[in-house]
PDB file of N, CA and C in Angstrom:
ATOM      1  N   MET A   1       0.834  -1.173   0.000  1.00  0.00           N
ATOM      2  CA  MET A   1       0.000   0.000   0.000  1.00  0.00           C
ATOM      3  C   MET A   1       0.886   1.247   0.000  1.00  0.00           C
ATOM      4  N   VAL A   2       0.607   2.155  -0.897  1.00  0.00           N
ATOM      5  CA  VAL A   2       1.361   3.402  -0.983  1.00  0.00           C
ATOM      6  C   VAL A   2       0.653   4.447  -0.134  1.00  0.00           C
ATOM      7  N   GLN A   3       1.416   5.089   0.726  1.00  0.00           N
ATOM      8  CA  GLN A   3       0.848   6.171   1.521  1.00  0.00           C
ATOM      9  C   GLN A   3       1.474   7.479   1.091  1.00  0.00           C
ATOM     10  N   LYS A   4       0.653   8.490   1.002  1.00  0.00           N
ATOM     11  CA  LYS A   4       1.134   9.819   0.648  1.00  0.00           C
ATOM     12  C   LYS A   4       0.908  10.722   1.838  1.00  0.00           C
ATOM     13  N   CYS A   5       1.724  11.734   1.925  1.00  0.00           N
ATOM     14  CA  CYS A   5       1.640  12.654   3.053  1.00  0.00           C
ATOM     15  C   CYS A   5       1.310  14.052   2.543  1.00  0.00           C
ATOM     16  N   THR A   6       0.413  14.693   3.210  1.00  0.00           N
ATOM     17  CA  THR A   6       0.056  16.071   2.899  1.00  0.00           C
ATOM     18  C   THR A   6       0.294  16.898   4.151  1.00  0.00           C
ATOM     19  N   PHE A   7       0.802  18.075   3.963  1.00  0.00           N
ATOM     20  CA  PHE A   7       0.967  18.946   5.112  1.00  0.00           C
ATOM     21  C   PHE A   7       0.604  20.364   4.708  1.00  0.00           C
ATOM     22  N   GLY A   8       0.322  21.158   5.682  1.00  0.00           N
ATOM     23  CA  GLY A   8      -0.075  22.535   5.387  1.00  0.00           C
ATOM     24  C   GLY A   8       0.302  23.451   6.530  1.00  0.00           C
ATOM     25  N   GLY A   9       0.068  24.682   6.332  1.00  0.00           N
ATOM     26  CA  GLY A   9       0.378  25.666   7.353  1.00  0.00           C
ATOM     27  C   GLY A   9      -0.368  26.952   7.074  1.00  0.00           C
ATOM     28  N   LEU A  10      -0.171  27.917   7.931  1.00  0.00           N
ATOM     29  CA  LEU A  10      -0.856  29.184   7.780  1.00  0.00           C
ATOM     30  C   LEU A  10       0.054  30.301   8.268  1.00  0.00           C
ATOM     31  N   PHE A  11       0.122  31.348   7.502  1.00  0.00           N
ATOM     32  CA  PHE A  11       0.861  32.543   7.895  1.00  0.00           C
ATOM     33  C   PHE A  11      -0.154  33.642   8.143  1.00  0.00           C
ATOM     34  N   CYS A  12       0.068  34.415   9.191  1.00  0.00           N
ATOM     35  CA  CYS A  12      -0.802  35.567   9.434  1.00  0.00           C
ATOM     36  C   CYS A  12       0.008  36.693  10.058  1.00  0.00           C
ATOM     37  N   LYS A  13      -0.538  37.878   9.933  1.00  0.00           N
ATOM     38  CA  LYS A  13       0.110  39.045  10.538  1.00  0.00           C
ATOM     39  C   LYS A  13      -0.016  38.946  12.051  1.00  0.00           C
ATOM     40  N   LYS A  14       0.948  39.494  12.739  1.00  0.00           N
ATOM     41  CA  LYS A  14       0.916  39.507  14.208  1.00  0.00           C
ATOM     42  C   LYS A  14      -0.394  40.144  14.701  1.00  0.00           C
ATOM     43  N   SER A  15      -0.846  41.158  13.983  1.00  0.00           N
ATOM     44  CA  SER A  15      -2.075  41.847  14.387  1.00  0.00           C
ATOM     45  C   SER A  15      -3.322  40.973  14.231  1.00  0.00           C
ATOM     46  N   ASP A  16      -3.218  39.883  13.456  1.00  0.00           N
ATOM     47  CA  ASP A  16      -4.351  38.970  13.261  1.00  0.00           C
ATOM     48  C   ASP A  16      -4.267  37.723  14.142  1.00  0.00           C
ATOM     49  N   GLN A  17      -3.288  37.663  15.019  1.00  0.00           N
ATOM     50  CA  GLN A  17      -3.088  36.463  15.823  1.00  0.00           C
ATOM     51  C   GLN A  17      -4.302  36.138  16.685  1.00  0.00           C
ATOM     52  N   ASP A  18      -4.967  37.152  17.231  1.00  0.00           N
ATOM     53  CA  ASP A  18      -6.149  36.872  18.063  1.00  0.00           C
ATOM     54  C   ASP A  18      -7.266  36.235  17.234  1.00  0.00           C
ATOM     55  N   LYS A  19      -7.432  36.666  15.985  1.00  0.00           N
ATOM     56  CA  LYS A  19      -8.432  36.062  15.100  1.00  0.00           C
ATOM     57  C   LYS A  19      -8.063  34.606  14.807  1.00  0.00           C
ATOM     58  N   PHE A  20      -6.779  34.372  14.558  1.00  0.00           N
ATOM     59  CA  PHE A  20      -6.295  33.024  14.285  1.00  0.00           C
ATOM     60  C   PHE A  20      -6.579  32.093  15.462  1.00  0.00           C
ATOM     61  N   GLU A  21      -6.289  32.547  16.669  1.00  0.00           N
ATOM     62  CA  GLU A  21      -6.495  31.719  17.861  1.00  0.00           C
ATOM     63  C   GLU A  21      -7.970  31.433  18.102  1.00  0.00           C
ATOM     64  N   LYS A  22      -8.856  32.347  17.727  1.00  0.00           N
ATOM     65  CA  LYS A  22     -10.295  32.128  17.889  1.00  0.00           C
ATOM     66  C   LYS A  22     -10.824  31.050  16.946  1.00  0.00           C
ATOM     67  N   CYS A  23     -10.081  30.761  15.884  1.00  0.00           N
ATOM     68  CA  CYS A  23     -10.502  29.716  14.940  1.00  0.00           C
ATOM     69  C   CYS A  23     -10.418  28.327  15.554  1.00  0.00           C
ATOM     70  N   ASP A  24      -9.601  28.162  16.584  1.00  0.00           N
ATOM     71  CA  ASP A  24      -9.500  26.908  17.337  1.00  0.00           C
ATOM     72  C   ASP A  24      -9.166  25.710  16.447  1.00  0.00           C
ATOM     73  N   TYR A  25      -8.179  25.891  15.571  1.00  0.00           N
ATOM     74  CA  TYR A  25      -7.775  24.817  14.664  1.00  0.00           C
ATOM     75  C   TYR A  25      -7.301  23.571  15.399  1.00  0.00           C
ATOM     76  N   ASP A  26      -6.758  23.723  16.594  1.00  0.00           N
ATOM     77  CA  ASP A  26      -6.241  22.570  17.328  1.00  0.00           C
ATOM     78  C   ASP A  26      -7.311  21.531  17.653  1.00  0.00           C
ATOM     79  N   ASN A  27      -8.574  21.912  17.618  1.00  0.00           N
ATOM     80  CA  ASN A  27      -9.643  20.965  17.928  1.00  0.00           C
ATOM     81  C   ASN A  27     -10.212  20.263  16.704  1.00  0.00           C
ATOM     82  N   LEU A  28      -9.633  20.486  15.531  1.00  0.00           N
ATOM     83  CA  LEU A  28     -10.048  19.742  14.344  1.00  0.00           C
ATOM     84  C   LEU A  28      -9.376  18.382  14.391  1.00  0.00           C
ATOM     85  N   GLN A  29     -10.134  17.324  14.105  1.00  0.00           N
ATOM     86  CA  GLN A  29      -9.621  15.961  14.249  1.00  0.00           C
ATOM     87  C   GLN A  29      -8.426  15.668  13.358  1.00  0.00           C
ATOM     88  N   PHE A  30      -8.292  16.378  12.253  1.00  0.00           N
ATOM     89  CA  PHE A  30      -7.230  16.075  11.307  1.00  0.00           C
ATOM     90  C   PHE A  30      -6.003  16.973  11.453  1.00  0.00           C
ATOM     91  N   ILE A  31      -6.007  17.883  12.414  1.00  0.00           N
ATOM     92  CA  ILE A  31      -4.840  18.724  12.682  1.00  0.00           C
ATOM     93  C   ILE A  31      -3.979  18.010  13.713  1.00  0.00           C
ATOM     94  N   LYS A  32      -2.771  17.705  13.331  1.00  0.00           N
ATOM     95  CA  LYS A  32      -1.853  16.992  14.228  1.00  0.00           C
ATOM     96  C   LYS A  32      -0.564  17.796  14.349  1.00  0.00           C
ATOM     97  N   LYS A  33      -0.145  18.066  15.578  1.00  0.00           N
ATOM     98  CA  LYS A  33       1.100  18.805  15.807  1.00  0.00           C
ATOM     99  C   LYS A  33       2.226  17.876  16.222  1.00  0.00           C
ATOM    100  N   SER A  34       1.913  16.630  16.402  1.00  0.00           N
ATOM    101  CA  SER A  34       2.926  15.663  16.817  1.00  0.00           C
ATOM    102  C   SER A  34       3.284  14.787  15.616  1.00  0.00           C
ATOM    103  N   GLU A  35       4.015  13.747  15.868  1.00  0.00           N
ATOM    104  CA  GLU A  35       4.383  12.832  14.800  1.00  0.00           C
ATOM    105  C   GLU A  35       3.252  11.847  14.480  1.00  0.00           C
ATOM    106  N   GLU A  36       2.172  11.918  15.222  1.00  0.00           N
ATOM    107  CA  GLU A  36       1.011  11.066  14.967  1.00  0.00           C
ATOM    108  C   GLU A  36       0.375  11.482  13.637  1.00  0.00           C
ATOM    109  N   HIS A  37       0.070  10.523  12.797  1.00  0.00           N
ATOM    110  CA  HIS A  37      -0.518  10.809  11.500  1.00  0.00           C
ATOM    111  C   HIS A  37      -2.032  10.708  11.547  1.00  0.00           C
ATOM    112  N   PHE A  38      -2.671  11.469  10.698  1.00  0.00           N
ATOM    113  CA  PHE A  38      -4.109  11.330  10.491  1.00  0.00           C
ATOM    114  C   PHE A  38      -4.271  10.613   9.160  1.00  0.00           C
ATOM    115  N   ILE A  39      -4.776   9.414   9.200  1.00  0.00           N
ATOM    116  CA  ILE A  39      -4.927   8.604   8.000  1.00  0.00           C
ATOM    117  C   ILE A  39      -6.310   8.856   7.397  1.00  0.00           C
ATOM    118  N   ILE A  40      -6.338   9.231   6.131  1.00  0.00           N
ATOM    119  CA  ILE A  40      -7.606   9.397   5.423  1.00  0.00           C
ATOM    120  C   ILE A  40      -7.898   8.080   4.723  1.00  0.00           C
ATOM    121  N   ASP A  41      -8.902   7.405   5.199  1.00  0.00           N
ATOM    122  CA  ASP A  41      -9.302   6.123   4.633  1.00  0.00           C
ATOM    123  C   ASP A  41     -10.340   6.413   3.548  1.00  0.00           C
ATOM    124  N   VAL A  42      -9.892   6.495   2.322  1.00  0.00           N
ATOM    125  CA  VAL A  42     -10.720   6.950   1.214  1.00  0.00           C
ATOM    126  C   VAL A  42     -11.748   5.885   0.823  1.00  0.00           C
ATOM    127  N   PRO A  43     -13.019   6.279   0.788  1.00  0.00           N
ATOM    128  CA  PRO A  43     -14.054   5.327   0.368  1.00  0.00           C
ATOM    129  C   PRO A  43     -14.044   5.152  -1.145  1.00  0.00           C
ATOM    130  N   SER A  44     -14.579   4.045  -1.592  1.00  0.00           N
ATOM    131  CA  SER A  44     -14.672   3.769  -3.022  1.00  0.00           C
ATOM    132  C   SER A  44     -16.037   4.238  -3.517  1.00  0.00           C
ATOM    133  N   LEU A  45     -16.094   5.509  -3.935  1.00  0.00           N
ATOM    134  CA  LEU A  45     -17.353   6.117  -4.370  1.00  0.00           C
ATOM    135  C   LEU A  45     -17.149   6.891  -5.669  1.00  0.00           C
ATOM    136  N   THR A  46     -18.181   6.948  -6.465  1.00  0.00           N
ATOM    137  CA  THR A  46     -18.159   7.801  -7.653  1.00  0.00           C
ATOM    138  C   THR A  46     -18.648   9.190  -7.235  1.00  0.00           C
ATOM    139  N   TYR A  47     -18.429  10.183  -8.099  1.00  0.00           N
ATOM    140  CA  TYR A  47     -18.914  11.525  -7.779  1.00  0.00           C
ATOM    141  C   TYR A  47     -20.443  11.559  -7.732  1.00  0.00           C
ATOM    142  N   LYS A  48     -21.095  10.747  -8.537  1.00  0.00           N
ATOM    143  CA  LYS A  48     -22.561  10.665  -8.498  1.00  0.00           C
ATOM    144  C   LYS A  48     -23.025  10.136  -7.142  1.00  0.00           C
ATOM    145  N   GLU A  49     -22.343   9.113  -6.627  1.00  0.00           N
ATOM    146  CA  GLU A  49     -22.682   8.562  -5.309  1.00  0.00           C
ATOM    147  C   GLU A  49     -22.414   9.584  -4.206  1.00  0.00           C
ATOM    148  N   ILE A  50     -21.344  10.318  -4.343  1.00  0.00           N
ATOM    149  CA  ILE A  50     -21.018  11.355  -3.357  1.00  0.00           C
ATOM    150  C   ILE A  50     -22.109  12.417  -3.325  1.00  0.00           C
ATOM    151  N   ARG A  51     -22.541  12.866  -4.483  1.00  0.00           N
ATOM    152  CA  ARG A  51     -23.610  13.874  -4.535  1.00  0.00           C
ATOM    153  C   ARG A  51     -24.895  13.340  -3.897  1.00  0.00           C
ATOM    154  N   ALA A  52     -25.198  12.074  -4.127  1.00  0.00           N
ATOM    155  CA  ALA A  52     -26.404  11.474  -3.531  1.00  0.00           C
ATOM    156  C   ALA A  52     -26.278  11.403  -2.006  1.00  0.00           C
ATOM    157  N   LEU A  53     -25.102  11.057  -1.524  1.00  0.00           N
ATOM    158  CA  LEU A  53     -24.897  11.007  -0.069  1.00  0.00           C
ATOM    159  C   LEU A  53     -24.964  12.403   0.536  1.00  0.00           C
ATOM    160  N   ASP A  54     -24.432  13.386  -0.174  1.00  0.00           N
ATOM    161  CA  ASP A  54     -24.462  14.759   0.339  1.00  0.00           C
ATOM    162  C   ASP A  54     -25.875  15.247   0.601  1.00  0.00           C
ATOM    163  N   THR A  55     -26.859  14.721  -0.138  1.00  0.00           N
ATOM    164  CA  THR A  55     -28.246  15.135   0.095  1.00  0.00           C
ATOM    165  C   THR A  55     -28.788  14.584   1.411  1.00  0.00           C
ATOM    166  N   GLN A  56     -28.110  13.573   1.978  1.00  0.00           N
ATOM    167  CA  GLN A  56     -28.548  12.958   3.233  1.00  0.00           C
ATOM    168  C   GLN A  56     -27.733  13.443   4.435  1.00  0.00           C
ATOM    169  N   LEU A  57     -26.723  14.247   4.167  1.00  0.00           N
ATOM    170  CA  LEU A  57     -25.833  14.702   5.234  1.00  0.00           C
ATOM    171  C   LEU A  57     -26.061  16.172   5.522  1.00  0.00           C
ATOM    172  N   PRO A  58     -25.833  16.638   6.740  1.00  0.00           N
ATOM    173  CA  PRO A  58     -25.398  15.873   7.907  1.00  0.00           C
ATOM    174  C   PRO A  58     -26.546  15.085   8.520  1.00  0.00           C
ATOM    175  N   CYS A  59     -26.169  14.096   9.288  1.00  0.00           N
ATOM    176  CA  CYS A  59     -27.153  13.305  10.032  1.00  0.00           C
ATOM    177  C   CYS A  59     -26.505  12.851  11.338  1.00  0.00           C
ATOM    178  N   SER A  60     -27.315  12.567  12.310  1.00  0.00           N
ATOM    179  CA  SER A  60     -26.786  12.187  13.624  1.00  0.00           C
ATOM    180  C   SER A  60     -26.425  10.708  13.713  1.00  0.00           C
ATOM    181  N   ASP A  61     -26.955   9.904  12.808  1.00  0.00           N
ATOM    182  CA  ASP A  61     -26.706   8.462  12.843  1.00  0.00           C
ATOM    183  C   ASP A  61     -26.359   7.977  11.439  1.00  0.00           C
ATOM    184  N   THR A  62     -25.094   7.659  11.212  1.00  0.00           N
ATOM    185  CA  THR A  62     -24.653   7.267   9.864  1.00  0.00           C
ATOM    186  C   THR A  62     -25.266   5.946   9.410  1.00  0.00           C
ATOM    187  N   THR A  63     -25.825   5.165  10.313  1.00  0.00           N
ATOM    188  CA  THR A  63     -26.459   3.905   9.893  1.00  0.00           C
ATOM    189  C   THR A  63     -27.757   4.159   9.136  1.00  0.00           C
ATOM    190  N   THR A  64     -28.280   5.374   9.223  1.00  0.00           N
ATOM    191  CA  THR A  64     -29.507   5.704   8.483  1.00  0.00           C
ATOM    192  C   THR A  64     -29.214   6.086   7.030  1.00  0.00           C
ATOM    193  N   LEU A  65     -27.949   6.315   6.705  1.00  0.00           N
ATOM    194  CA  LEU A  65     -27.578   6.661   5.334  1.00  0.00           C
ATOM    195  C   LEU A  65     -27.694   5.428   4.453  1.00  0.00           C
ATOM    196  N   LYS A  66     -28.376   5.565   3.361  1.00  0.00           N
ATOM    197  CA  LYS A  66     -28.574   4.437   2.450  1.00  0.00           C
ATOM    198  C   LYS A  66     -28.335   4.889   1.023  1.00  0.00           C
ATOM    199  N   LEU A  67     -27.714   4.025   0.249  1.00  0.00           N
ATOM    200  CA  LEU A  67     -27.534   4.261  -1.174  1.00  0.00           C
ATOM    201  C   LEU A  67     -27.397   2.904  -1.840  1.00  0.00           C
ATOM    202  N   PRO A  68     -28.365   2.546  -2.678  1.00  0.00           N
ATOM    203  CA  PRO A  68     -28.341   1.224  -3.312  1.00  0.00           C
ATOM    204  C   PRO A  68     -27.022   0.945  -4.031  1.00  0.00           C
ATOM    205  N   GLY A  69     -26.467  -0.240  -3.777  1.00  0.00           N
ATOM    206  CA  GLY A  69     -25.245  -0.661  -4.439  1.00  0.00           C
ATOM    207  C   GLY A  69     -23.958  -0.174  -3.805  1.00  0.00           C
ATOM    208  N   VAL A  70     -24.054   0.624  -2.751  1.00  0.00           N
ATOM    209  CA  VAL A  70     -22.861   1.154  -2.091  1.00  0.00           C
ATOM    210  C   VAL A  70     -22.692   0.476  -0.738  1.00  0.00           C
ATOM    211  N   LYS A  71     -21.490   0.024  -0.463  1.00  0.00           N
ATOM    212  CA  LYS A  71     -21.221  -0.680   0.789  1.00  0.00           C
ATOM    213  C   LYS A  71     -21.337   0.269   1.978  1.00  0.00           C
ATOM    214  N   ALA A  72     -21.879  -0.252   3.065  1.00  0.00           N
ATOM    215  CA  ALA A  72     -22.064   0.535   4.287  1.00  0.00           C
ATOM    216  C   ALA A  72     -20.746   1.090   4.800  1.00  0.00           C
ATOM    217  N   LYS A  73     -19.654   0.317   4.661  1.00  0.00           N
ATOM    218  CA  LYS A  73     -18.359   0.799   5.165  1.00  0.00           C
ATOM    219  C   LYS A  73     -17.881   2.019   4.379  1.00  0.00           C
ATOM    220  N   ASP A  74     -18.164   2.077   3.066  1.00  0.00           N
ATOM    221  CA  ASP A  74     -17.781   3.243   2.272  1.00  0.00           C
ATOM    222  C   ASP A  74     -18.630   4.456   2.629  1.00  0.00           C
ATOM    223  N   ILE A  75     -19.894   4.236   2.907  1.00  0.00           N
ATOM    224  CA  ILE A  75     -20.783   5.330   3.327  1.00  0.00           C
ATOM    225  C   ILE A  75     -20.300   5.904   4.649  1.00  0.00           C
ATOM    226  N   LYS A  76     -19.956   5.030   5.586  1.00  0.00           N
ATOM    227  CA  LYS A  76     -19.488   5.488   6.900  1.00  0.00           C
ATOM    228  C   LYS A  76     -18.179   6.266   6.775  1.00  0.00           C
ATOM    229  N   LYS A  77     -17.266   5.785   5.932  1.00  0.00           N
ATOM    230  CA  LYS A  77     -15.995   6.491   5.722  1.00  0.00           C
ATOM    231  C   LYS A  77     -16.247   7.904   5.194  1.00  0.00           C
ATOM    232  N   TYR A  78     -17.098   7.998   4.184  1.00  0.00           N
ATOM    233  CA  TYR A  78     -17.378   9.302   3.585  1.00  0.00           C
ATOM    234  C   TYR A  78     -18.056  10.233   4.585  1.00  0.00           C
ATOM    235  N   ALA A  79     -18.987   9.717   5.352  1.00  0.00           N
ATOM    236  CA  ALA A  79     -19.704  10.547   6.332  1.00  0.00           C
ATOM    237  C   ALA A  79     -18.750  11.141   7.361  1.00  0.00           C
ATOM    238  N   GLY A  80     -17.618  10.475   7.580  1.00  0.00           N
ATOM    239  CA  GLY A  80     -16.648  10.972   8.555  1.00  0.00           C
ATOM    240  C   GLY A  80     -15.852  12.181   8.104  1.00  0.00           C
ATOM    241  N   PHE A  81     -15.759  12.413   6.783  1.00  0.00           N
ATOM    242  CA  PHE A  81     -14.972  13.561   6.336  1.00  0.00           C
ATOM    243  C   PHE A  81     -15.613  14.359   5.198  1.00  0.00           C
ATOM    244  N   TYR A  82     -16.886  14.143   4.960  1.00  0.00           N
ATOM    245  CA  TYR A  82     -17.532  14.791   3.814  1.00  0.00           C
ATOM    246  C   TYR A  82     -17.425  16.312   3.843  1.00  0.00           C
ATOM    247  N   ARG A  83     -17.417  16.910   5.025  1.00  0.00           N
ATOM    248  CA  ARG A  83     -17.359  18.374   5.117  1.00  0.00           C
ATOM    249  C   ARG A  83     -16.057  18.932   4.566  1.00  0.00           C
ATOM    250  N   TYR A  84     -15.033  18.110   4.507  1.00  0.00           N
ATOM    251  CA  TYR A  84     -13.722  18.558   4.056  1.00  0.00           C
ATOM    252  C   TYR A  84     -13.390  18.070   2.652  1.00  0.00           C
ATOM    253  N   PHE A  85     -14.325  17.368   2.027  1.00  0.00           N
ATOM    254  CA  PHE A  85     -14.103  16.852   0.685  1.00  0.00           C
ATOM    255  C   PHE A  85     -14.039  18.028  -0.281  1.00  0.00           C
ATOM    256  N   PRO A  86     -13.026  18.070  -1.138  1.00  0.00           N
ATOM    257  CA  PRO A  86     -12.899  19.234  -2.039  1.00  0.00           C
ATOM    258  C   PRO A  86     -14.028  19.296  -3.063  1.00  0.00           C
ATOM    259  N   ASN A  87     -14.451  20.494  -3.340  1.00  0.00           N
ATOM    260  CA  ASN A  87     -15.474  20.723  -4.360  1.00  0.00           C
ATOM    261  C   ASN A  87     -14.809  21.366  -5.568  1.00  0.00           C
ATOM    262  N   PHE A  88     -15.201  20.946  -6.723  1.00  0.00           N
ATOM    263  CA  PHE A  88     -14.667  21.532  -7.944  1.00  0.00           C
ATOM    264  C   PHE A  88     -15.661  21.300  -9.070  1.00  0.00           C
ATOM    265  N   ALA A  89     -15.453  21.981 -10.144  1.00  0.00           N
ATOM    266  CA  ALA A  89     -16.331  21.824 -11.300  1.00  0.00           C
ATOM    267  C   ALA A  89     -15.483  21.881 -12.568  1.00  0.00           C
ATOM    268  N   GLU A  90     -15.866  21.081 -13.536  1.00  0.00           N
ATOM    269  CA  GLU A  90     -15.233  21.115 -14.847  1.00  0.00           C
ATOM    270  C   GLU A  90     -16.165  21.877 -15.775  1.00  0.00           C
ATOM    271  N   THR A  91     -15.605  22.790 -16.541  1.00  0.00           N
ATOM    272  CA  THR A  91     -16.408  23.519 -17.496  1.00  0.00           C
ATOM    273  C   THR A  91     -15.670  23.647 -18.816  1.00  0.00           C
ATOM    274  N   GLU A  92     -16.412  23.851 -19.837  1.00  0.00           N
ATOM    275  CA  GLU A  92     -15.832  24.144 -21.147  1.00  0.00           C
ATOM    276  C   GLU A  92     -16.268  25.546 -21.537  1.00  0.00           C
ATOM    277  N   ILE A  93     -15.315  26.285 -22.059  1.00  0.00           N
ATOM    278  CA  ILE A  93     -15.620  27.670 -22.452  1.00  0.00           C
ATOM    279  C   ILE A  93     -15.581  27.780 -23.963  1.00  0.00           C
TER     280      ILE A  93
END
């Protein structure tokens, strides 16, 4: 299995430090300041399936999410990080 690593950071002016601290990034589950990794377990879904699941999210109980032909484990994986899934669009001009 090939694992890839992504990292990021943020620069801000000293005068904006109070705004930065109010964002409370340290409480996001995927922000790690130690050597501990956050593993993204990517579900096997098509974009059509993702759009269909998005119509059912958010929900308090992921077992209520249903999509014919999609495994429950993939639905649960997606429900865990759907808010951070990148959005994009392809267009022709």
